[in-house]
Amino acid sequence: MSETDPHIHVEKKVVETGAEFRNVVASTLGHVLDAPTVVTTGCGHQVPYAMTSQRPESVTCLACREHAHREYMKFADQVEHMCQMPGLNIAGITPESAAEAVARLREVAKRFSG
């Protein structure tokens, strides 16, 4: 990474990062994850965590935006596929809530591509 890299990136595991993900882990496992100081990005660079964002509008690295778009679409497809499995309502997930989650994921993906 160049010290003069002006771009804002996304983490390589964009769907599995950020405060929301850390909050889920903390509430599930009772263990708080610290934010890393340096991360690998969707474009393959290592940058300070402070030079990344989860907000599509803030990401200025084109390769990272494309990576995030692909990852969110792939995750949306996985969630959609899982939601078609029998017994979904037993787990407390309604088809409507699953469809809303898939729609939200695809909306985030769309924002990264725009």
N, C-alpha and C. Protein backbone atom coordinates (compact mmCIF):
# COMPACT_ATOMS: atom_id res chain seq x y z
N MET A 1 0.83 -1.18 0.00
CA MET A 1 0.00 0.00 0.00
C MET A 1 0.87 1.24 0.00
N SER A 2 0.51 2.17 -0.77
CA SER A 2 1.19 3.45 -0.79
C SER A 2 0.60 4.35 0.29
N GLU A 3 1.45 5.08 0.97
CA GLU A 3 0.98 6.00 2.00
C GLU A 3 0.13 7.12 1.40
N THR A 4 0.22 7.31 0.09
CA THR A 4 -0.52 8.39 -0.55
C THR A 4 -1.79 7.88 -1.23
N ASP A 5 -2.18 6.62 -0.99
CA ASP A 5 -3.39 6.07 -1.60
C ASP A 5 -4.60 6.85 -1.07
N PRO A 6 -5.24 7.62 -1.94
CA PRO A 6 -6.35 8.46 -1.48
C PRO A 6 -7.69 7.74 -1.43
N HIS A 7 -7.74 6.48 -1.88
CA HIS A 7 -9.02 5.79 -2.03
C HIS A 7 -9.55 5.21 -0.72
N ILE A 8 -10.86 5.14 -0.67
CA ILE A 8 -11.56 4.44 0.41
C ILE A 8 -11.94 3.09 -0.16
N HIS A 9 -11.65 2.04 0.58
CA HIS A 9 -11.81 0.67 0.11
C HIS A 9 -12.90 -0.06 0.92
N VAL A 10 -13.14 -1.32 0.54
CA VAL A 10 -13.96 -2.23 1.36
C VAL A 10 -13.07 -3.40 1.75
N GLU A 11 -13.40 -4.01 2.88
CA GLU A 11 -12.66 -5.19 3.30
C GLU A 11 -12.98 -6.35 2.37
N LYS A 12 -12.03 -7.26 2.23
CA LYS A 12 -12.21 -8.40 1.34
C LYS A 12 -13.45 -9.20 1.72
N LYS A 13 -13.65 -9.43 3.01
CA LYS A 13 -14.83 -10.16 3.48
C LYS A 13 -15.92 -9.14 3.83
N VAL A 14 -16.32 -8.37 2.86
CA VAL A 14 -17.20 -7.22 3.06
C VAL A 14 -18.52 -7.58 3.75
N VAL A 15 -19.06 -8.75 3.47
CA VAL A 15 -20.34 -9.13 4.07
C VAL A 15 -20.14 -9.52 5.53
N GLU A 16 -18.94 -9.92 5.90
CA GLU A 16 -18.66 -10.40 7.25
C GLU A 16 -17.91 -9.38 8.09
N THR A 17 -18.03 -8.12 7.78
CA THR A 17 -17.26 -7.10 8.50
C THR A 17 -18.17 -5.99 8.98
N GLY A 18 -17.59 -5.09 9.69
CA GLY A 18 -18.31 -3.92 10.15
C GLY A 18 -18.89 -4.10 11.53
N ALA A 19 -19.39 -3.01 12.05
CA ALA A 19 -19.91 -2.98 13.42
C ALA A 19 -21.12 -3.90 13.59
N GLU A 20 -21.99 -3.96 12.61
CA GLU A 20 -23.17 -4.81 12.73
C GLU A 20 -22.78 -6.28 12.90
N PHE A 21 -21.82 -6.73 12.11
CA PHE A 21 -21.36 -8.12 12.21
C PHE A 21 -20.72 -8.36 13.57
N ARG A 22 -19.87 -7.43 14.03
CA ARG A 22 -19.24 -7.59 15.34
C ARG A 22 -20.28 -7.61 16.44
N ASN A 23 -21.36 -6.83 16.31
CA ASN A 23 -22.43 -6.84 17.31
C ASN A 23 -23.14 -8.18 17.36
N VAL A 24 -23.37 -8.79 16.18
CA VAL A 24 -24.01 -10.11 16.14
C VAL A 24 -23.13 -11.14 16.84
N VAL A 25 -21.84 -11.11 16.55
CA VAL A 25 -20.91 -12.05 17.19
C VAL A 25 -20.91 -11.82 18.70
N ALA A 26 -20.87 -10.57 19.11
CA ALA A 26 -20.83 -10.25 20.53
C ALA A 26 -22.09 -10.72 21.24
N SER A 27 -23.25 -10.50 20.63
CA SER A 27 -24.50 -10.91 21.28
C SER A 27 -24.68 -12.41 21.25
N THR A 28 -24.13 -13.08 20.25
CA THR A 28 -24.26 -14.53 20.13
C THR A 28 -23.28 -15.27 21.03
N LEU A 29 -22.02 -14.84 20.99
CA LEU A 29 -20.96 -15.56 21.70
C LEU A 29 -20.55 -14.91 23.01
N GLY A 30 -20.98 -13.68 23.22
CA GLY A 30 -20.57 -12.98 24.42
C GLY A 30 -19.11 -12.54 24.36
N HIS A 31 -18.56 -12.48 23.17
CA HIS A 31 -17.17 -12.08 22.97
C HIS A 31 -17.13 -10.89 22.03
N VAL A 32 -16.46 -9.85 22.43
CA VAL A 32 -16.38 -8.65 21.61
C VAL A 32 -15.14 -8.69 20.73
N LEU A 33 -15.34 -8.53 19.43
CA LEU A 33 -14.22 -8.48 18.49
C LEU A 33 -13.75 -7.05 18.33
N ASP A 34 -12.46 -6.85 18.38
CA ASP A 34 -11.89 -5.53 18.13
C ASP A 34 -11.81 -5.29 16.64
N ALA A 35 -11.95 -4.06 16.25
CA ALA A 35 -11.74 -3.71 14.84
C ALA A 35 -10.25 -3.86 14.55
N PRO A 36 -9.90 -4.45 13.41
CA PRO A 36 -8.49 -4.61 13.08
C PRO A 36 -7.86 -3.26 12.74
N THR A 37 -6.53 -3.18 12.82
CA THR A 37 -5.86 -1.93 12.46
C THR A 37 -5.52 -1.89 10.98
N VAL A 38 -5.20 -3.05 10.38
CA VAL A 38 -4.90 -3.15 8.96
C VAL A 38 -5.72 -4.29 8.39
N VAL A 39 -6.31 -4.07 7.20
CA VAL A 39 -7.15 -5.10 6.59
C VAL A 39 -6.76 -5.31 5.13
N THR A 40 -7.10 -6.49 4.63
CA THR A 40 -6.95 -6.76 3.20
C THR A 40 -8.25 -6.33 2.53
N THR A 41 -8.13 -5.65 1.42
CA THR A 41 -9.29 -5.07 0.75
C THR A 41 -9.77 -5.95 -0.41
N GLY A 42 -10.92 -5.59 -0.93
CA GLY A 42 -11.47 -6.29 -2.09
C GLY A 42 -10.58 -6.21 -3.31
N CYS A 43 -9.75 -5.18 -3.40
CA CYS A 43 -8.83 -5.04 -4.54
C CYS A 43 -7.48 -5.69 -4.26
N GLY A 44 -7.32 -6.27 -3.08
CA GLY A 44 -6.10 -7.00 -2.76
C GLY A 44 -5.03 -6.22 -2.02
N HIS A 45 -5.25 -4.96 -1.75
CA HIS A 45 -4.27 -4.16 -1.01
C HIS A 45 -4.47 -4.34 0.50
N GLN A 46 -3.44 -4.03 1.25
CA GLN A 46 -3.57 -3.94 2.70
C GLN A 46 -3.56 -2.46 3.05
N VAL A 47 -4.60 -2.04 3.75
CA VAL A 47 -4.73 -0.62 4.10
C VAL A 47 -5.15 -0.51 5.56
N PRO A 48 -4.95 0.67 6.16
CA PRO A 48 -5.46 0.88 7.51
C PRO A 48 -6.98 0.72 7.51
N TYR A 49 -7.51 0.14 8.58
CA TYR A 49 -8.96 -0.04 8.71
C TYR A 49 -9.70 1.28 8.51
N ALA A 50 -9.08 2.36 8.94
CA ALA A 50 -9.71 3.69 8.82
C ALA A 50 -9.92 4.11 7.37
N MET A 51 -9.24 3.45 6.43
CA MET A 51 -9.40 3.78 5.01
C MET A 51 -10.40 2.86 4.32
N THR A 52 -11.29 2.24 5.10
CA THR A 52 -12.34 1.39 4.55
C THR A 52 -13.70 1.91 4.99
N SER A 53 -14.71 1.48 4.27
CA SER A 53 -16.07 1.87 4.61
C SER A 53 -17.04 0.78 4.20
N GLN A 54 -18.13 0.66 4.93
CA GLN A 54 -19.22 -0.23 4.59
C GLN A 54 -20.26 0.49 3.74
N ARG A 55 -20.20 1.81 3.72
CA ARG A 55 -21.18 2.61 2.97
C ARG A 55 -20.77 2.69 1.51
N PRO A 56 -21.59 2.19 0.60
CA PRO A 56 -21.25 2.21 -0.82
C PRO A 56 -20.90 3.61 -1.33
N GLU A 57 -21.58 4.62 -0.83
CA GLU A 57 -21.36 5.98 -1.30
C GLU A 57 -19.98 6.51 -0.92
N SER A 58 -19.35 5.91 0.07
CA SER A 58 -18.04 6.37 0.54
C SER A 58 -16.87 5.67 -0.14
N VAL A 59 -17.11 4.52 -0.75
CA VAL A 59 -16.04 3.72 -1.35
C VAL A 59 -15.66 4.33 -2.70
N THR A 60 -14.38 4.70 -2.82
CA THR A 60 -13.92 5.34 -4.05
C THR A 60 -13.06 4.43 -4.92
N CYS A 61 -12.65 3.28 -4.41
CA CYS A 61 -11.85 2.34 -5.20
C CYS A 61 -12.79 1.51 -6.08
N LEU A 62 -12.65 1.65 -7.39
CA LEU A 62 -13.54 0.97 -8.32
C LEU A 62 -13.47 -0.55 -8.18
N ALA A 63 -12.26 -1.09 -8.04
CA ALA A 63 -12.12 -2.55 -7.90
C ALA A 63 -12.81 -3.03 -6.62
N CYS A 64 -12.73 -2.27 -5.55
CA CYS A 64 -13.41 -2.64 -4.31
C CYS A 64 -14.93 -2.56 -4.46
N ARG A 65 -15.40 -1.56 -5.17
CA ARG A 65 -16.85 -1.43 -5.41
C ARG A 65 -17.35 -2.65 -6.19
N GLU A 66 -16.62 -3.05 -7.21
CA GLU A 66 -17.01 -4.22 -8.00
C GLU A 66 -16.98 -5.49 -7.15
N HIS A 67 -15.95 -5.61 -6.32
CA HIS A 67 -15.84 -6.77 -5.42
C HIS A 67 -17.04 -6.81 -4.47
N ALA A 68 -17.36 -5.69 -3.86
CA ALA A 68 -18.47 -5.64 -2.91
C ALA A 68 -19.79 -5.97 -3.60
N HIS A 69 -19.98 -5.47 -4.80
CA HIS A 69 -21.19 -5.78 -5.56
C HIS A 69 -21.33 -7.29 -5.75
N ARG A 70 -20.25 -7.93 -6.20
CA ARG A 70 -20.28 -9.39 -6.41
C ARG A 70 -20.55 -10.15 -5.11
N GLU A 71 -19.89 -9.73 -4.03
CA GLU A 71 -20.04 -10.44 -2.75
C GLU A 71 -21.46 -10.32 -2.20
N TYR A 72 -22.04 -9.13 -2.28
CA TYR A 72 -23.41 -8.95 -1.79
C TYR A 72 -24.42 -9.72 -2.64
N MET A 73 -24.19 -9.75 -3.96
CA MET A 73 -25.09 -10.52 -4.83
C MET A 73 -24.97 -12.01 -4.53
N LYS A 74 -23.75 -12.48 -4.34
CA LYS A 74 -23.53 -13.89 -4.04
C LYS A 74 -24.20 -14.25 -2.70
N PHE A 75 -24.06 -13.39 -1.71
CA PHE A 75 -24.67 -13.65 -0.41
C PHE A 75 -26.19 -13.62 -0.51
N ALA A 76 -26.74 -12.69 -1.27
CA ALA A 76 -28.19 -12.62 -1.47
C ALA A 76 -28.69 -13.91 -2.11
N ASP A 77 -27.97 -14.41 -3.10
CA ASP A 77 -28.35 -15.68 -3.75
C ASP A 77 -28.30 -16.84 -2.77
N GLN A 78 -27.29 -16.86 -1.90
CA GLN A 78 -27.19 -17.92 -0.89
C GLN A 78 -28.34 -17.87 0.09
N VAL A 79 -28.67 -16.67 0.56
CA VAL A 79 -29.78 -16.52 1.50
C VAL A 79 -31.09 -16.93 0.83
N GLU A 80 -31.28 -16.51 -0.40
CA GLU A 80 -32.50 -16.87 -1.13
C GLU A 80 -32.61 -18.39 -1.28
N HIS A 81 -31.51 -19.04 -1.60
CA HIS A 81 -31.50 -20.50 -1.75
C HIS A 81 -31.81 -21.19 -0.41
N MET A 82 -31.18 -20.71 0.66
CA MET A 82 -31.43 -21.30 1.98
C MET A 82 -32.88 -21.13 2.41
N CYS A 83 -33.48 -20.03 2.03
CA CYS A 83 -34.84 -19.73 2.44
C CYS A 83 -35.88 -20.60 1.74
N GLN A 84 -35.47 -21.32 0.73
CA GLN A 84 -36.38 -22.22 0.04
C GLN A 84 -36.38 -23.61 0.65
N MET A 85 -35.55 -23.81 1.67
CA MET A 85 -35.46 -25.11 2.31
C MET A 85 -36.67 -25.34 3.20
N PRO A 86 -37.13 -26.59 3.31
CA PRO A 86 -38.25 -26.87 4.20
C PRO A 86 -37.85 -26.62 5.65
N GLY A 87 -38.81 -26.24 6.46
CA GLY A 87 -38.57 -26.02 7.88
C GLY A 87 -38.12 -24.63 8.23
N LEU A 88 -38.17 -23.73 7.26
CA LEU A 88 -37.73 -22.36 7.51
C LEU A 88 -38.53 -21.71 8.62
N ASN A 89 -39.86 -21.91 8.60
CA ASN A 89 -40.70 -21.30 9.64
C ASN A 89 -40.39 -21.85 11.02
N ILE A 90 -39.89 -23.07 11.09
CA ILE A 90 -39.53 -23.65 12.38
C ILE A 90 -38.40 -22.85 13.01
N ALA A 91 -37.50 -22.37 12.20
CA ALA A 91 -36.38 -21.58 12.69
C ALA A 91 -36.80 -20.15 13.04
N GLY A 92 -38.07 -19.82 12.86
CA GLY A 92 -38.56 -18.49 13.19
C GLY A 92 -38.37 -17.46 12.10
N ILE A 93 -38.02 -17.94 10.92
CA ILE A 93 -37.83 -17.03 9.78
C ILE A 93 -38.99 -17.24 8.83
N THR A 94 -39.72 -16.18 8.59
CA THR A 94 -40.86 -16.27 7.68
C THR A 94 -40.37 -16.05 6.25
N PRO A 95 -41.09 -16.58 5.28
CA PRO A 95 -40.71 -16.31 3.88
C PRO A 95 -40.67 -14.81 3.57
N GLU A 96 -41.55 -14.05 4.22
CA GLU A 96 -41.58 -12.61 3.98
C GLU A 96 -40.32 -11.93 4.52
N SER A 97 -39.91 -12.31 5.74
CA SER A 97 -38.71 -11.68 6.31
C SER A 97 -37.46 -12.09 5.53
N ALA A 98 -37.44 -13.33 5.05
CA ALA A 98 -36.32 -13.79 4.23
C ALA A 98 -36.26 -13.00 2.92
N ALA A 99 -37.41 -12.80 2.31
CA ALA A 99 -37.47 -12.04 1.05
C ALA A 99 -37.03 -10.60 1.27
N GLU A 100 -37.40 -10.02 2.42
CA GLU A 100 -36.97 -8.66 2.74
C GLU A 100 -35.45 -8.59 2.91
N ALA A 101 -34.87 -9.59 3.55
CA ALA A 101 -33.42 -9.62 3.74
C ALA A 101 -32.71 -9.72 2.40
N VAL A 102 -33.20 -10.57 1.52
CA VAL A 102 -32.61 -10.73 0.19
C VAL A 102 -32.72 -9.42 -0.58
N ALA A 103 -33.86 -8.76 -0.49
CA ALA A 103 -34.04 -7.48 -1.19
C ALA A 103 -33.08 -6.42 -0.66
N ARG A 104 -32.88 -6.38 0.68
CA ARG A 104 -31.93 -5.42 1.26
C ARG A 104 -30.51 -5.69 0.78
N LEU A 105 -30.12 -6.96 0.74
CA LEU A 105 -28.78 -7.31 0.27
C LEU A 105 -28.58 -6.90 -1.18
N ARG A 106 -29.59 -7.14 -2.00
CA ARG A 106 -29.47 -6.77 -3.42
C ARG A 106 -29.46 -5.26 -3.60
N GLU A 107 -30.15 -4.55 -2.72
CA GLU A 107 -30.14 -3.08 -2.79
C GLU A 107 -28.74 -2.55 -2.46
N VAL A 108 -28.10 -3.13 -1.44
CA VAL A 108 -26.74 -2.72 -1.11
C VAL A 108 -25.81 -3.02 -2.29
N ALA A 109 -25.96 -4.20 -2.88
CA ALA A 109 -25.14 -4.57 -4.05
C ALA A 109 -25.34 -3.55 -5.17
N LYS A 110 -26.56 -3.16 -5.41
CA LYS A 110 -26.86 -2.18 -6.46
C LYS A 110 -26.19 -0.84 -6.17
N ARG A 111 -26.19 -0.44 -4.90
CA ARG A 111 -25.55 0.83 -4.54
C ARG A 111 -24.04 0.79 -4.80
N PHE A 112 -23.42 -0.39 -4.63
CA PHE A 112 -22.00 -0.51 -4.92
C PHE A 112 -21.73 -0.46 -6.42
N SER A 113 -22.69 -0.89 -7.24
CA SER A 113 -22.45 -0.89 -8.69
C SER A 113 -22.75 0.45 -9.34
N GLY A 114 -23.43 1.32 -8.62
CA GLY A 114 -23.85 2.59 -9.20
C GLY A 114 -22.90 3.69 -9.15
